N, C-alpha and C. Protein backbone atom coordinates (compact mmCIF):
# COMPACT_ATOMS: atom_id res chain seq x y z
N MET A 1 66.97 116.48 51.53
CA MET A 1 66.75 117.91 52.16
C MET A 1 67.91 117.81 53.35
N CYS A 2 68.50 119.17 53.66
CA CYS A 2 69.40 118.99 54.37
C CYS A 2 68.98 118.94 56.04
N ALA A 3 69.59 118.67 56.89
CA ALA A 3 69.40 118.57 58.29
C ALA A 3 68.95 120.29 58.80
N ASN A 4 68.34 120.77 59.55
CA ASN A 4 68.73 122.18 60.19
C ASN A 4 69.89 122.60 60.54
N ARG A 5 70.39 124.15 60.28
CA ARG A 5 71.65 124.22 60.56
C ARG A 5 72.09 123.87 62.11
N VAL A 6 71.19 124.04 63.02
CA VAL A 6 71.66 124.01 64.64
C VAL A 6 72.16 122.51 64.35
N GLU A 7 71.40 121.56 63.94
CA GLU A 7 71.52 120.42 63.89
C GLU A 7 72.97 119.78 62.88
N LEU A 8 72.77 120.50 62.19
CA LEU A 8 74.13 120.34 61.67
C LEU A 8 75.23 121.09 62.09
N VAL A 9 75.17 122.03 63.08
CA VAL A 9 76.40 122.60 63.71
C VAL A 9 76.78 121.19 64.57
N GLU A 10 76.06 121.04 65.70
CA GLU A 10 76.01 120.27 66.59
C GLU A 10 76.73 118.68 66.31
N ASP A 11 76.57 118.27 65.09
CA ASP A 11 77.06 116.99 64.22
C ASP A 11 78.49 117.25 63.91
N LEU A 12 78.88 118.90 63.24
CA LEU A 12 80.11 118.87 62.78
C LEU A 12 80.61 119.64 63.97
N ASN A 13 80.41 119.84 65.29
CA ASN A 13 81.21 120.20 66.90
C ASN A 13 81.86 118.84 67.25
N ARG A 14 80.91 117.91 67.04
CA ARG A 14 81.38 116.61 67.62
C ARG A 14 82.54 115.92 66.78
N LEU A 15 82.34 115.96 65.44
CA LEU A 15 83.12 115.56 64.38
C LEU A 15 84.79 116.20 64.58
N MET A 16 84.62 117.54 64.57
CA MET A 16 85.95 118.46 65.34
C MET A 16 86.08 117.93 66.37
N ALA A 17 85.24 117.29 67.70
CA ALA A 17 86.14 117.33 68.54
C ALA A 17 86.82 115.72 68.80
N GLU A 18 86.29 114.74 67.53
CA GLU A 18 87.00 113.53 67.17
C GLU A 18 87.97 113.51 66.61
N GLU A 19 88.05 114.54 65.45
CA GLU A 19 89.65 114.91 65.18
C GLU A 19 90.12 115.14 65.87
N THR A 20 89.85 116.37 66.46
CA THR A 20 91.24 116.95 67.66
C THR A 20 91.04 116.09 68.77
N GLU A 21 90.67 115.08 69.24
CA GLU A 21 90.93 114.07 69.63
C GLU A 21 91.68 112.52 69.71
N ALA A 22 91.72 112.96 68.17
CA ALA A 22 92.37 111.67 67.45
C ALA A 22 93.74 112.65 67.22
N CYS A 23 93.96 113.37 67.14
CA CYS A 23 95.30 114.59 67.34
C CYS A 23 95.67 114.21 68.66
N LEU A 24 95.12 114.37 69.22
CA LEU A 24 95.82 114.13 70.86
C LEU A 24 96.09 112.89 71.36
N ARG A 25 95.53 111.73 71.04
CA ARG A 25 95.83 110.45 70.82
C ARG A 25 97.18 110.21 70.47
N TYR A 26 97.50 110.69 68.73
CA TYR A 26 98.79 110.51 67.93
C TYR A 26 99.64 111.37 68.80
N PHE A 27 99.26 112.19 69.19
CA PHE A 27 100.59 113.30 69.94
C PHE A 27 101.06 112.41 70.88
N GLN A 28 100.16 111.53 71.23
CA GLN A 28 101.03 110.91 72.82
C GLN A 28 101.24 109.18 72.46
N MET A 29 100.86 108.96 71.51
CA MET A 29 101.41 107.57 71.11
C MET A 29 102.51 107.49 70.50
N ARG A 30 103.15 108.95 69.92
CA ARG A 30 104.45 108.74 69.47
C ARG A 30 105.44 108.66 70.52
N PHE A 31 105.12 109.23 71.68
CA PHE A 31 105.94 109.21 72.94
C PHE A 31 106.29 107.74 73.49
N ARG A 32 105.43 107.38 73.27
CA ARG A 32 104.67 105.77 73.88
C ARG A 32 105.45 105.03 73.20
N LEU A 33 105.77 105.10 71.57
CA LEU A 33 106.55 103.82 70.83
C LEU A 33 107.95 103.71 71.08
N ARG A 34 108.23 102.59 71.65
CA ARG A 34 109.52 101.57 71.71
C ARG A 34 109.59 100.43 70.65
N GLY A 35 110.87 99.82 70.50
CA GLY A 35 110.86 99.12 69.78
C GLY A 35 111.48 98.87 68.71
N SER A 36 111.86 97.77 67.63
CA SER A 36 112.14 97.83 66.15
C SER A 36 111.17 98.70 65.31
N GLY A 37 111.54 99.29 64.35
CA GLY A 37 110.22 100.33 63.53
C GLY A 37 109.80 102.01 64.38
N ARG A 38 110.62 101.84 65.68
CA ARG A 38 110.05 103.18 66.77
C ARG A 38 110.21 104.40 65.67
N ALA A 39 111.42 105.02 65.24
CA ALA A 39 112.00 105.95 63.99
C ALA A 39 110.55 106.00 63.16
N ALA A 40 110.00 104.76 61.93
CA ALA A 40 109.19 105.05 61.45
C ALA A 40 107.90 105.19 61.77
N ALA A 41 107.57 104.67 62.55
CA ALA A 41 106.33 104.67 63.00
C ALA A 41 106.42 106.62 64.21
N GLU A 42 107.47 106.80 64.66
CA GLU A 42 106.98 108.03 65.02
C GLU A 42 106.95 109.44 63.75
N LYS A 43 107.46 108.76 63.00
CA LYS A 43 107.26 109.68 60.99
C LYS A 43 105.66 109.41 61.24
N PHE A 44 105.10 108.23 61.13
CA PHE A 44 103.38 107.75 60.63
C PHE A 44 102.72 108.48 61.30
N PHE A 45 102.86 108.54 63.14
CA PHE A 45 102.17 109.56 64.12
C PHE A 45 102.16 110.80 63.89
N GLU A 46 103.26 111.46 63.41
CA GLU A 46 103.80 112.81 63.39
C GLU A 46 102.45 113.78 62.19
N GLU A 47 102.74 112.65 60.87
CA GLU A 47 101.93 112.95 59.74
C GLU A 47 100.84 112.66 60.49
N ALA A 48 100.02 111.62 61.03
CA ALA A 48 98.33 111.78 61.15
C ALA A 48 98.09 112.67 62.34
N LEU A 49 99.22 113.23 63.06
CA LEU A 49 98.62 114.19 64.16
C LEU A 49 98.34 115.52 63.06
N ARG A 50 99.23 115.80 62.42
CA ARG A 50 99.08 116.62 61.15
C ARG A 50 97.95 116.77 60.85
N GLU A 51 97.54 115.67 59.98
CA GLU A 51 95.95 115.68 59.05
C GLU A 51 95.53 115.61 59.99
N THR A 52 94.84 114.90 61.36
CA THR A 52 93.81 115.18 62.15
C THR A 52 93.56 116.76 63.00
N LEU A 53 94.62 117.54 62.86
CA LEU A 53 94.33 118.75 62.87
C LEU A 53 94.19 119.30 62.00
N GLU A 54 94.11 119.17 60.56
CA GLU A 54 94.03 119.85 59.62
C GLU A 54 92.22 119.57 59.43
N HIS A 55 91.99 118.18 59.79
CA HIS A 55 90.78 117.94 59.65
C HIS A 55 89.72 118.79 60.40
N ALA A 56 90.48 119.10 61.89
CA ALA A 56 89.37 119.53 62.88
C ALA A 56 89.37 121.15 62.39
N ASP A 57 90.31 121.73 61.97
CA ASP A 57 90.34 123.02 61.15
C ASP A 57 89.47 123.29 60.12
N ALA A 58 89.44 122.25 59.25
CA ALA A 58 88.41 122.09 57.79
C ALA A 58 87.13 122.09 58.51
N ILE A 59 86.73 121.75 59.72
CA ILE A 59 85.79 121.28 60.33
C ILE A 59 85.19 122.87 60.90
N ALA A 60 86.00 123.43 61.45
CA ALA A 60 85.86 124.60 62.01
C ALA A 60 85.28 125.57 61.12
N GLN A 61 85.96 125.23 59.81
CA GLN A 61 85.60 126.44 58.98
C GLN A 61 84.33 126.27 58.18
N GLN A 62 83.80 124.68 58.17
CA GLN A 62 82.49 124.56 57.33
C GLN A 62 81.85 125.19 58.46
N ILE A 63 82.15 125.05 60.22
CA ILE A 63 80.95 125.60 61.40
C ILE A 63 80.80 127.26 60.91
N ARG A 64 81.85 127.61 60.83
CA ARG A 64 81.88 129.31 60.46
C ARG A 64 81.00 129.58 59.33
N SER A 65 81.35 128.97 58.47
CA SER A 65 80.47 128.86 57.04
C SER A 65 79.32 128.61 57.20
N LEU A 66 78.61 128.21 58.36
CA LEU A 66 77.56 127.84 58.44
C LEU A 66 76.81 128.94 59.62
N GLY A 67 77.45 130.20 59.92
CA GLY A 67 77.44 131.33 60.73
C GLY A 67 77.41 130.89 62.04
N HIS A 68 78.04 129.82 62.57
CA HIS A 68 78.50 129.55 63.96
C HIS A 68 79.51 129.61 64.06
N ILE A 69 79.69 129.57 65.94
CA ILE A 69 81.52 129.20 66.27
C ILE A 69 81.50 128.38 66.75
N PRO A 70 82.86 127.50 66.47
CA PRO A 70 82.96 126.34 66.89
C PRO A 70 83.07 126.00 68.25
N ARG A 71 82.60 125.06 69.16
CA ARG A 71 82.50 124.51 70.34
C ARG A 71 83.19 123.39 70.54
N LEU A 72 84.21 123.28 71.26
CA LEU A 72 84.95 121.98 71.23
C LEU A 72 84.87 121.33 72.79
N HIS A 73 84.06 120.05 72.58
CA HIS A 73 83.84 119.51 74.02
C HIS A 73 84.89 118.14 73.73
N ILE A 74 85.60 118.20 74.46
CA ILE A 74 86.46 116.63 74.69
C ILE A 74 86.74 116.39 76.16
N ASN A 75 86.37 115.25 76.78
CA ASN A 75 86.84 114.52 78.23
C ASN A 75 87.66 113.88 78.18
N LEU A 76 89.20 113.67 77.86
CA LEU A 76 90.15 112.75 77.51
C LEU A 76 91.21 112.57 78.60
N SER A 77 91.94 111.43 79.13
CA SER A 77 92.74 111.40 80.07
C SER A 77 93.61 110.18 79.11
N LEU A 78 94.69 110.45 78.68
CA LEU A 78 95.66 109.75 78.04
C LEU A 78 96.36 109.31 79.15
N ASP A 79 97.03 107.99 79.01
CA ASP A 79 98.47 107.32 79.75
C ASP A 79 98.52 106.12 79.02
N GLY A 80 99.52 105.30 79.68
CA GLY A 80 99.81 104.05 78.86
C GLY A 80 100.78 103.86 79.30
N GLY A 81 101.91 102.67 78.73
CA GLY A 81 103.08 102.45 78.84
C GLY A 81 103.76 102.28 77.41
N PRO A 82 104.95 101.83 77.24
CA PRO A 82 105.51 101.79 76.18
C PRO A 82 104.63 100.64 75.41
N ILE A 83 104.76 101.28 74.28
CA ILE A 83 103.82 99.92 72.78
C ILE A 83 104.65 99.72 71.81
N GLY A 84 104.59 98.87 71.30
CA GLY A 84 105.20 98.30 69.91
C GLY A 84 104.64 99.25 68.67
N PRO A 85 105.43 99.58 67.72
CA PRO A 85 104.53 100.04 66.43
C PRO A 85 103.51 99.48 65.61
N ALA A 86 103.47 97.40 65.73
CA ALA A 86 102.34 97.14 65.51
C ALA A 86 101.17 97.35 66.43
N GLU A 87 101.24 97.42 67.49
CA GLU A 87 100.11 97.55 68.67
C GLU A 87 99.43 98.70 68.29
N ALA A 88 100.51 100.10 67.71
CA ALA A 88 100.20 100.99 67.81
C ALA A 88 99.41 101.77 66.55
N LEU A 89 99.96 100.95 65.42
CA LEU A 89 98.76 101.05 64.18
C LEU A 89 98.08 100.28 64.34
N ALA A 90 97.52 99.36 64.65
CA ALA A 90 96.10 98.72 65.58
C ALA A 90 95.37 99.69 66.24
N GLU A 91 95.83 100.42 67.23
CA GLU A 91 94.70 101.72 67.62
C GLU A 91 94.48 102.73 66.50
N ALA A 92 96.05 102.72 65.88
CA ALA A 92 95.57 103.99 65.05
C ALA A 92 94.61 103.45 63.63
N LEU A 93 94.65 102.56 63.52
CA LEU A 93 93.52 101.73 62.95
C LEU A 93 91.79 102.18 62.95
N ASP A 94 91.54 101.82 64.60
CA ASP A 94 90.82 101.73 65.17
C ASP A 94 90.33 103.20 65.13
N VAL A 95 91.12 104.33 65.36
CA VAL A 95 91.22 105.94 65.45
C VAL A 95 90.46 106.43 64.07
N GLU A 96 90.66 105.96 63.00
CA GLU A 96 90.92 106.02 61.36
C GLU A 96 89.17 105.44 61.43
N GLN A 97 89.23 104.40 61.55
CA GLN A 97 88.07 103.30 61.32
C GLN A 97 86.88 103.96 61.93
N GLN A 98 86.95 104.92 63.32
CA GLN A 98 86.00 105.53 63.87
C GLN A 98 85.47 106.70 62.96
N ALA A 99 86.47 107.60 62.35
CA ALA A 99 86.15 108.56 62.29
C ALA A 99 85.99 108.26 60.50
N LEU A 100 85.95 107.50 59.77
CA LEU A 100 85.40 107.03 58.61
C LEU A 100 84.04 106.69 59.26
N ASP A 101 83.76 105.99 60.20
CA ASP A 101 82.18 105.74 60.16
C ASP A 101 81.15 106.63 60.73
N ALA A 102 82.05 107.76 61.44
CA ALA A 102 81.57 109.23 61.90
C ALA A 102 81.17 110.03 60.52
N TYR A 103 82.04 110.26 59.70
CA TYR A 103 81.74 110.62 58.59
C TYR A 103 80.19 110.17 58.09
N ARG A 104 80.75 108.66 57.61
CA ARG A 104 79.66 108.07 56.52
C ARG A 104 78.34 108.23 57.32
N ASP A 105 78.13 108.13 58.96
CA ASP A 105 76.66 108.50 59.55
C ASP A 105 76.50 110.35 59.46
N PHE A 106 76.94 111.14 58.69
CA PHE A 106 77.06 112.46 59.20
C PHE A 106 76.37 112.45 57.61
N LEU A 107 77.06 111.92 56.82
CA LEU A 107 76.66 112.52 55.53
C LEU A 107 75.18 112.47 55.04
N PRO A 108 74.16 111.47 55.19
CA PRO A 108 72.40 111.59 54.87
C PRO A 108 72.39 112.90 55.63
N ARG A 109 73.00 113.54 56.54
CA ARG A 109 72.20 114.47 57.33
C ARG A 109 72.53 115.86 56.46
N ALA A 110 73.81 116.18 55.58
CA ALA A 110 74.35 117.18 54.68
C ALA A 110 73.78 117.06 53.75
N ALA A 111 73.23 116.01 53.20
CA ALA A 111 72.64 116.23 51.95
C ALA A 111 71.86 116.68 51.52
N GLY A 112 71.65 117.76 50.74
CA GLY A 112 71.02 119.10 49.97
C GLY A 112 71.45 120.21 50.21
N HIS A 113 73.31 119.77 50.96
CA HIS A 113 73.44 120.99 51.41
C HIS A 113 75.21 120.92 50.47
N PRO A 114 74.97 121.70 49.39
CA PRO A 114 76.23 121.88 48.53
C PRO A 114 77.39 121.83 48.73
N VAL A 115 77.86 122.52 49.63
CA VAL A 115 79.23 122.84 50.29
C VAL A 115 79.82 121.64 51.21
N LEU A 116 78.49 121.59 51.82
CA LEU A 116 78.71 120.79 53.19
C LEU A 116 78.61 119.33 52.61
N GLU A 117 77.87 118.73 52.04
CA GLU A 117 78.13 117.34 51.29
C GLU A 117 79.25 116.89 50.61
N ALA A 118 79.28 117.90 49.75
CA ALA A 118 81.03 117.60 48.69
C ALA A 118 81.87 117.58 50.26
N PHE A 119 82.24 118.54 51.04
CA PHE A 119 83.49 118.48 52.14
C PHE A 119 83.44 116.69 52.96
N VAL A 120 81.90 116.57 53.51
CA VAL A 120 81.88 115.08 54.00
C VAL A 120 82.20 114.14 53.41
N ARG A 121 81.76 114.68 51.28
CA ARG A 121 82.41 113.23 50.75
C ARG A 121 83.68 113.40 50.77
N ALA A 122 84.73 114.00 50.55
CA ALA A 122 86.11 114.42 50.60
C ALA A 122 86.56 113.81 51.57
N GLN A 123 86.11 113.83 53.05
CA GLN A 123 86.47 113.43 54.25
C GLN A 123 86.16 111.83 53.86
N ILE A 124 85.40 111.69 53.72
CA ILE A 124 84.97 109.89 53.42
C ILE A 124 85.86 109.20 52.50
N ALA A 125 86.44 110.07 51.45
CA ALA A 125 87.72 109.43 50.66
C ALA A 125 88.69 109.66 51.51
N VAL A 126 89.15 110.59 51.97
CA VAL A 126 90.15 110.54 52.64
C VAL A 126 90.94 110.09 53.85
N GLU A 127 89.33 109.54 54.49
CA GLU A 127 89.60 108.79 55.84
C GLU A 127 89.54 107.01 55.48
N THR A 128 88.75 107.14 53.88
CA THR A 128 88.96 105.74 53.44
C THR A 128 90.68 105.13 53.15
N GLU A 129 91.07 106.15 52.43
CA GLU A 129 92.58 106.29 52.37
C GLU A 129 93.62 106.02 53.34
N HIS A 130 93.02 106.80 54.99
CA HIS A 130 93.92 106.44 55.61
C HIS A 130 93.83 104.96 56.26
N VAL A 131 92.39 104.83 56.17
CA VAL A 131 92.19 103.14 56.69
C VAL A 131 92.65 101.75 55.84
N GLN A 132 92.72 102.55 54.57
CA GLN A 132 93.96 101.00 53.60
C GLN A 132 95.05 101.39 53.80
N GLU A 133 95.36 102.68 53.91
CA GLU A 133 97.48 102.86 54.18
C GLU A 133 97.48 102.01 55.64
N ILE A 134 97.08 102.17 56.42
CA ILE A 134 97.55 101.68 57.50
C ILE A 134 97.42 99.87 57.65
N LEU A 135 95.98 99.40 56.77
CA LEU A 135 95.76 98.04 56.50
C LEU A 135 96.43 97.70 55.61
N THR A 136 97.57 98.22 54.83
CA THR A 136 98.50 98.08 53.90
C THR A 136 100.09 97.88 54.45
N ILE A 137 100.15 98.69 55.55
CA ILE A 137 101.05 98.59 56.76
C ILE A 137 101.10 97.51 57.16
N VAL A 138 100.55 97.10 58.03
CA VAL A 138 99.65 96.31 59.05
C VAL A 138 100.06 94.62 58.53
N SER A 139 99.00 94.49 56.96
CA SER A 139 99.39 93.55 56.43
C SER A 139 101.01 93.26 55.57
N ALA A 140 101.74 94.20 55.13
CA ALA A 140 103.00 94.07 54.80
C ALA A 140 103.84 92.69 55.47
N ALA A 141 103.65 93.16 57.02
CA ALA A 141 104.31 92.13 58.01
C ALA A 141 105.64 92.39 58.26
N GLY A 142 105.98 93.27 57.70
CA GLY A 142 107.76 94.10 57.92
C GLY A 142 108.06 94.71 58.67
N PRO A 143 108.80 95.07 58.50
CA PRO A 143 109.25 96.47 59.05
C PRO A 143 108.58 97.79 59.02
N LEU A 144 108.18 98.61 59.24
CA LEU A 144 107.31 99.25 59.00
C LEU A 144 108.14 100.42 58.25
N LYS A 145 107.84 100.63 56.81
CA LYS A 145 108.02 101.53 55.91
C LYS A 145 106.97 102.32 55.45
N LEU A 146 107.35 103.87 55.57
CA LEU A 146 106.19 104.77 55.10
C LEU A 146 106.50 105.01 53.81
N VAL A 147 105.22 105.37 53.22
CA VAL A 147 105.31 105.79 51.74
C VAL A 147 104.57 106.97 51.35
N LYS A 148 104.93 108.35 51.31
CA LYS A 148 103.65 109.15 50.94
C LYS A 148 102.75 108.89 49.89
N SER A 149 101.77 109.03 50.08
CA SER A 149 100.41 108.99 49.44
C SER A 149 100.46 110.61 48.77
N PRO A 150 99.90 110.12 47.27
CA PRO A 150 100.10 111.05 46.01
C PRO A 150 99.35 112.44 46.40
N GLY A 151 98.24 112.01 47.41
CA GLY A 151 97.13 112.98 47.99
C GLY A 151 98.01 114.37 48.99
N SER A 152 99.47 113.45 49.33
CA SER A 152 99.64 114.25 51.04
C SER A 152 100.81 115.54 50.19
């Protein structure tokens, strides 16, 4: 049985805020990048920025389909000095893992709502792929080389 709509919408608004926050983190991260592999890392973060914004938009569409207007609450201040690609990817891995965990936590509350449950399961698959892609890049221990995933 799915949670009531108000609770679902509150959870979706939080997920949307997390995706939007990730988008902003990636936006800022691109400009902090320095060192060897910077150009490839910038491309990685440009793509990640685009994808997180798409995720936030998809969540907003889910909220609207439930008859509500998306509400965005973010309290975020970003700063920091120059960062190398490896450290930046480690931060990105944390962001993606948090997103994956948030969707996994939300899944039981979406159970029984066919469209929403399918959406959350799809997001879990996407976030799992993102985590795995970053782990693969990090474990390669060489210069950063980006390969487009088939679903991108």
